[in-house]
């Protein structure tokens, strides 16, 4: 598979997974957390499909497209560990989290996801959903939408 086809497959799976998860948490209280703002495409989509939810966004730096810039009060800039602790200490609970941290080196990205998983777990509502391109630990794996290959995106319940 070409890198272009792989990217299209990943983006389609991401969109379909987010749409599916938004419907799954409809009756659940809690905020949304986008771990890894990047260019802001995912954040922009979350704003569109979950307009009544507070969407927290976390990244080391703010370098997204201007149209996808979160409000300053919802953007947690810095390393993930202190930002996740800050959310937990403030009592915020997350119904849906999208995990998209990574530098593109698979072994490093998998290790970082495992290391951050317990901190992510601290902010999740019981029964909340997590969608991730990396394996997370300490959560119950679940089946996502049938349109997404099981190895393309990962789905978990807190």
C-alpha atoms as a PDB file:
ATOM      1  CA  UNK A   1       0.000   0.000   0.000  1.00  0.00           C
ATOM      2  CA  UNK A   2       1.361   3.422  -0.902  1.00  0.00           C
ATOM      3  CA  UNK A   3       1.954   5.988   1.821  1.00  0.00           C
ATOM      4  CA  UNK A   4      -0.822   8.117   0.297  1.00  0.00           C
ATOM      5  CA  UNK A   5      -3.296   5.223   0.412  1.00  0.00           C
ATOM      6  CA  UNK A   6      -2.219   4.461   3.977  1.00  0.00           C
ATOM      7  CA  UNK A   7      -2.768   8.084   5.017  1.00  0.00           C
ATOM      8  CA  UNK A   8      -6.204   8.203   3.394  1.00  0.00           C
ATOM      9  CA  UNK A   9      -7.138   4.954   5.113  1.00  0.00           C
ATOM     10  CA  UNK A  10      -5.994   6.364   8.481  1.00  0.00           C
ATOM     11  CA  UNK A  11      -7.858   9.665   8.071  1.00  0.00           C
ATOM     12  CA  UNK A  12     -11.059   7.927   6.984  1.00  0.00           C
ATOM     13  CA  UNK A  13     -10.824   5.556   9.952  1.00  0.00           C
ATOM     14  CA  UNK A  14     -10.214   8.493  12.271  1.00  0.00           C
ATOM     15  CA  UNK A  15     -13.237  10.420  10.994  1.00  0.00           C
ATOM     16  CA  UNK A  16     -15.519   7.382  11.045  1.00  0.00           C
ATOM     17  CA  UNK A  17     -14.320   6.460  14.536  1.00  0.00           C
ATOM     18  CA  UNK A  18     -14.891   9.937  15.912  1.00  0.00           C
ATOM     19  CA  UNK A  19     -18.381  10.118  14.398  1.00  0.00           C
ATOM     20  CA  UNK A  20     -19.212   6.702  15.857  1.00  0.00           C
ATOM     21  CA  UNK A  21     -17.843   7.630  19.290  1.00  0.00           C
ATOM     22  CA  UNK A  22     -19.738  10.932  19.357  1.00  0.00           C
ATOM     23  CA  UNK A  23     -22.994   9.013  18.941  1.00  0.00           C
ATOM     24  CA  UNK A  24     -21.951   6.494  21.623  1.00  0.00           C
ATOM     25  CA  UNK A  25     -21.389   9.172  24.301  1.00  0.00           C
ATOM     26  CA  UNK A  26     -24.520  11.180  23.516  1.00  0.00           C
ATOM     27  CA  UNK A  27     -26.195  10.426  26.870  1.00  0.00           C
ATOM     28  CA  UNK A  28     -22.965  10.558  28.896  1.00  0.00           C
ATOM     29  CA  UNK A  29     -21.758  13.578  30.860  1.00  0.00           C
ATOM     30  CA  UNK A  30     -18.187  14.731  30.452  1.00  0.00           C
ATOM     31  CA  UNK A  31     -15.848  16.722  28.277  1.00  0.00           C
ATOM     32  CA  UNK A  32     -13.794  15.736  25.240  1.00  0.00           C
ATOM     33  CA  UNK A  33      -9.997  15.579  25.121  1.00  0.00           C
ATOM     34  CA  UNK A  34      -7.871  15.805  21.975  1.00  0.00           C
ATOM     35  CA  UNK A  35      -4.372  14.633  22.866  1.00  0.00           C
ATOM     36  CA  UNK A  36      -2.155  16.039  20.132  1.00  0.00           C
ATOM     37  CA  UNK A  37      -3.463  19.135  18.335  1.00  0.00           C
ATOM     38  CA  UNK A  38      -1.048  19.123  15.414  1.00  0.00           C
ATOM     39  CA  UNK A  39      -2.578  21.027  12.502  1.00  0.00           C
ATOM     40  CA  UNK A  40      -5.985  21.041  14.213  1.00  0.00           C
ATOM     41  CA  UNK A  41      -7.976  18.945  11.755  1.00  0.00           C
ATOM     42  CA  UNK A  42      -9.242  16.540  14.424  1.00  0.00           C
ATOM     43  CA  UNK A  43     -10.076  19.359  16.817  1.00  0.00           C
ATOM     44  CA  UNK A  44     -12.004  21.124  14.062  1.00  0.00           C
ATOM     45  CA  UNK A  45     -13.991  17.945  13.370  1.00  0.00           C
ATOM     46  CA  UNK A  46     -14.701  17.412  17.071  1.00  0.00           C
ATOM     47  CA  UNK A  47     -16.041  20.988  17.312  1.00  0.00           C
ATOM     48  CA  UNK A  48     -18.391  20.251  14.443  1.00  0.00           C
ATOM     49  CA  UNK A  49     -19.754  16.914  15.670  1.00  0.00           C
ATOM     50  CA  UNK A  50     -19.845  17.791  19.398  1.00  0.00           C
ATOM     51  CA  UNK A  51     -20.776  21.487  19.483  1.00  0.00           C
ATOM     52  CA  UNK A  52     -22.201  21.412  23.015  1.00  0.00           C
ATOM     53  CA  UNK A  53     -19.169  19.733  24.616  1.00  0.00           C
ATOM     54  CA  UNK A  54     -16.121  21.402  26.080  1.00  0.00           C
ATOM     55  CA  UNK A  55     -13.137  20.181  24.102  1.00  0.00           C
ATOM     56  CA  UNK A  56      -9.790  20.223  25.861  1.00  0.00           C
ATOM     57  CA  UNK A  57      -6.757  20.198  23.588  1.00  0.00           C
ATOM     58  CA  UNK A  58      -3.240  19.285  24.585  1.00  0.00           C
ATOM     59  CA  UNK A  59       0.053  19.716  22.750  1.00  0.00           C
ATOM     60  CA  UNK A  60       3.624  20.844  23.335  1.00  0.00           C
ATOM     61  CA  UNK A  61       3.252  23.832  21.027  1.00  0.00           C
ATOM     62  CA  UNK A  62       0.424  25.739  19.390  1.00  0.00           C
ATOM     63  CA  UNK A  63       1.119  25.530  15.677  1.00  0.00           C
ATOM     64  CA  UNK A  64      -2.218  24.649  14.141  1.00  0.00           C
ATOM     65  CA  UNK A  65      -4.075  26.229  11.254  1.00  0.00           C
ATOM     66  CA  UNK A  66      -5.562  29.579  12.381  1.00  0.00           C
ATOM     67  CA  UNK A  67      -9.115  28.328  11.721  1.00  0.00           C
ATOM     68  CA  UNK A  68      -8.512  25.412  14.105  1.00  0.00           C
ATOM     69  CA  UNK A  69      -7.132  27.254  17.107  1.00  0.00           C
ATOM     70  CA  UNK A  70      -8.862  26.282  20.348  1.00  0.00           C
ATOM     71  CA  UNK A  71      -9.829  28.943  22.892  1.00  0.00           C
ATOM     72  CA  UNK A  72      -6.901  29.743  25.187  1.00  0.00           C
ATOM     73  CA  UNK A  73      -8.781  28.449  28.237  1.00  0.00           C
ATOM     74  CA  UNK A  74      -9.198  25.008  26.602  1.00  0.00           C
ATOM     75  CA  UNK A  75      -5.632  24.634  25.305  1.00  0.00           C
ATOM     76  CA  UNK A  76      -3.166  22.913  27.608  1.00  0.00           C
ATOM     77  CA  UNK A  77       0.314  23.638  26.316  1.00  0.00           C
ATOM     78  CA  UNK A  78       3.293  21.649  27.513  1.00  0.00           C
ATOM     79  CA  UNK A  79       4.327  18.112  28.254  1.00  0.00           C
ATOM     80  CA  UNK A  80       1.485  15.631  28.621  1.00  0.00           C
ATOM     81  CA  UNK A  81       2.179  14.480  32.187  1.00  0.00           C
ATOM     82  CA  UNK A  82       1.688  17.829  33.971  1.00  0.00           C
ATOM     83  CA  UNK A  83      -1.216  18.773  31.695  1.00  0.00           C
ATOM     84  CA  UNK A  84      -3.081  15.524  32.433  1.00  0.00           C
ATOM     85  CA  UNK A  85      -2.416  15.976  36.151  1.00  0.00           C
ATOM     86  CA  UNK A  86      -3.753  19.535  35.903  1.00  0.00           C
ATOM     87  CA  UNK A  87      -7.004  18.265  34.342  1.00  0.00           C
ATOM     88  CA  UNK A  88      -7.360  15.560  36.985  1.00  0.00           C
ATOM     89  CA  UNK A  89      -6.630  17.897  39.899  1.00  0.00           C
ATOM     90  CA  UNK A  90      -9.223  20.382  38.609  1.00  0.00           C
ATOM     91  CA  UNK A  91     -11.828  17.593  38.617  1.00  0.00           C
ATOM     92  CA  UNK A  92     -12.530  17.566  34.890  1.00  0.00           C
ATOM     93  CA  UNK A  93     -13.859  14.279  33.543  1.00  0.00           C
ATOM     94  CA  UNK A  94     -13.585  13.112  29.972  1.00  0.00           C
ATOM     95  CA  UNK A  95     -16.291  11.170  28.135  1.00  0.00           C
ATOM     96  CA  UNK A  96     -14.300  10.884  24.887  1.00  0.00           C
ATOM     97  CA  UNK A  97     -10.563  11.093  24.354  1.00  0.00           C
ATOM     98  CA  UNK A  98      -8.698  10.986  21.069  1.00  0.00           C
ATOM     99  CA  UNK A  99      -5.063   9.965  21.525  1.00  0.00           C
ATOM    100  CA  UNK A 100      -2.839  11.208  18.711  1.00  0.00           C
ATOM    101  CA  UNK A 101       0.564  11.816  20.275  1.00  0.00           C
ATOM    102  CA  UNK A 102       3.521  10.544  18.357  1.00  0.00           C
ATOM    103  CA  UNK A 103       6.614  11.380  16.418  1.00  0.00           C
ATOM    104  CA  UNK A 104       6.335   8.651  13.815  1.00  0.00           C
ATOM    105  CA  UNK A 105       8.805   6.198  15.365  1.00  0.00           C
ATOM    106  CA  UNK A 106       6.544   3.276  16.210  1.00  0.00           C
ATOM    107  CA  UNK A 107       8.507   1.823  19.129  1.00  0.00           C
ATOM    108  CA  UNK A 108       8.839   5.252  20.788  1.00  0.00           C
ATOM    109  CA  UNK A 109       5.179   6.104  20.174  1.00  0.00           C
ATOM    110  CA  UNK A 110       3.972   2.786  21.630  1.00  0.00           C
ATOM    111  CA  UNK A 111       6.172   3.250  24.716  1.00  0.00           C
ATOM    112  CA  UNK A 112       4.910   6.808  25.234  1.00  0.00           C
ATOM    113  CA  UNK A 113       1.274   5.682  24.938  1.00  0.00           C
ATOM    114  CA  UNK A 114       1.863   2.964  27.547  1.00  0.00           C
ATOM    115  CA  UNK A 115       3.577   5.451  29.867  1.00  0.00           C
ATOM    116  CA  UNK A 116       0.779   8.037  29.542  1.00  0.00           C
ATOM    117  CA  UNK A 117      -2.120   5.566  29.770  1.00  0.00           C
ATOM    118  CA  UNK A 118      -2.435   5.660  33.598  1.00  0.00           C
ATOM    119  CA  UNK A 119      -2.567   9.462  33.521  1.00  0.00           C
ATOM    120  CA  UNK A 120      -5.223   9.436  30.798  1.00  0.00           C
ATOM    121  CA  UNK A 121      -7.184   6.910  32.856  1.00  0.00           C
ATOM    122  CA  UNK A 122      -7.287   9.362  35.800  1.00  0.00           C
ATOM    123  CA  UNK A 123      -9.381  11.850  33.807  1.00  0.00           C
ATOM    124  CA  UNK A 124     -11.728   9.428  32.058  1.00  0.00           C
ATOM    125  CA  UNK A 125     -15.368   9.023  33.067  1.00  0.00           C
ATOM    126  CA  UNK A 126     -16.297   5.436  33.898  1.00  0.00           C
ATOM    127  CA  UNK A 127     -17.458   3.962  30.598  1.00  0.00           C
ATOM    128  CA  UNK A 128     -15.919   6.787  28.572  1.00  0.00           C
ATOM    129  CA  UNK A 129     -14.459   6.066  25.151  1.00  0.00           C
ATOM    130  CA  UNK A 130     -10.914   6.379  23.861  1.00  0.00           C
ATOM    131  CA  UNK A 131      -9.873   6.315  20.232  1.00  0.00           C
ATOM    132  CA  UNK A 132      -6.206   5.897  19.461  1.00  0.00           C
ATOM    133  CA  UNK A 133      -3.724   5.182  16.731  1.00  0.00           C
ATOM    134  CA  UNK A 134      -1.433   3.687  19.400  1.00  0.00           C
ATOM    135  CA  UNK A 135      -2.141   0.824  21.809  1.00  0.00           C
ATOM    136  CA  UNK A 136      -3.174   2.048  25.260  1.00  0.00           C
ATOM    137  CA  UNK A 137      -2.947   0.009  28.453  1.00  0.00           C
ATOM    138  CA  UNK A 138      -5.367  -0.331  31.357  1.00  0.00           C
ATOM    139  CA  UNK A 139      -8.496   0.116  29.243  1.00  0.00           C
ATOM    140  CA  UNK A 140     -10.964  -2.424  27.847  1.00  0.00           C
ATOM    141  CA  UNK A 141     -10.535  -2.895  24.094  1.00  0.00           C
ATOM    142  CA  UNK A 142     -13.848  -2.679  22.227  1.00  0.00           C
ATOM    143  CA  UNK A 143     -14.970  -3.104  18.643  1.00  0.00           C
ATOM    144  CA  UNK A 144     -15.317   0.189  16.785  1.00  0.00           C
ATOM    145  CA  UNK A 145     -17.335   0.735  13.627  1.00  0.00           C
ATOM    146  CA  UNK A 146     -17.426  -2.179  11.204  1.00  0.00           C
ATOM    147  CA  UNK A 147     -16.057   0.082   8.462  1.00  0.00           C
ATOM    148  CA  UNK A 148     -12.677   0.297  10.224  1.00  0.00           C
ATOM    149  CA  UNK A 149     -10.140  -2.521  10.005  1.00  0.00           C
ATOM    150  CA  UNK A 150      -9.259  -3.741  13.524  1.00  0.00           C
ATOM    151  CA  UNK A 151      -5.578  -2.866  13.080  1.00  0.00           C
ATOM    152  CA  UNK A 152      -6.161   0.620  11.659  1.00  0.00           C
ATOM    153  CA  UNK A 153      -7.528   2.414  14.728  1.00  0.00           C
ATOM    154  CA  UNK A 154      -7.991   1.212  18.296  1.00  0.00           C
ATOM    155  CA  UNK A 155     -11.078   1.688  20.466  1.00  0.00           C
ATOM    156  CA  UNK A 156     -11.269   1.386  24.244  1.00  0.00           C
ATOM    157  CA  UNK A 157     -13.751   1.823  27.084  1.00  0.00           C
ATOM    158  CA  UNK A 158     -12.554   3.312  30.364  1.00  0.00           C
END
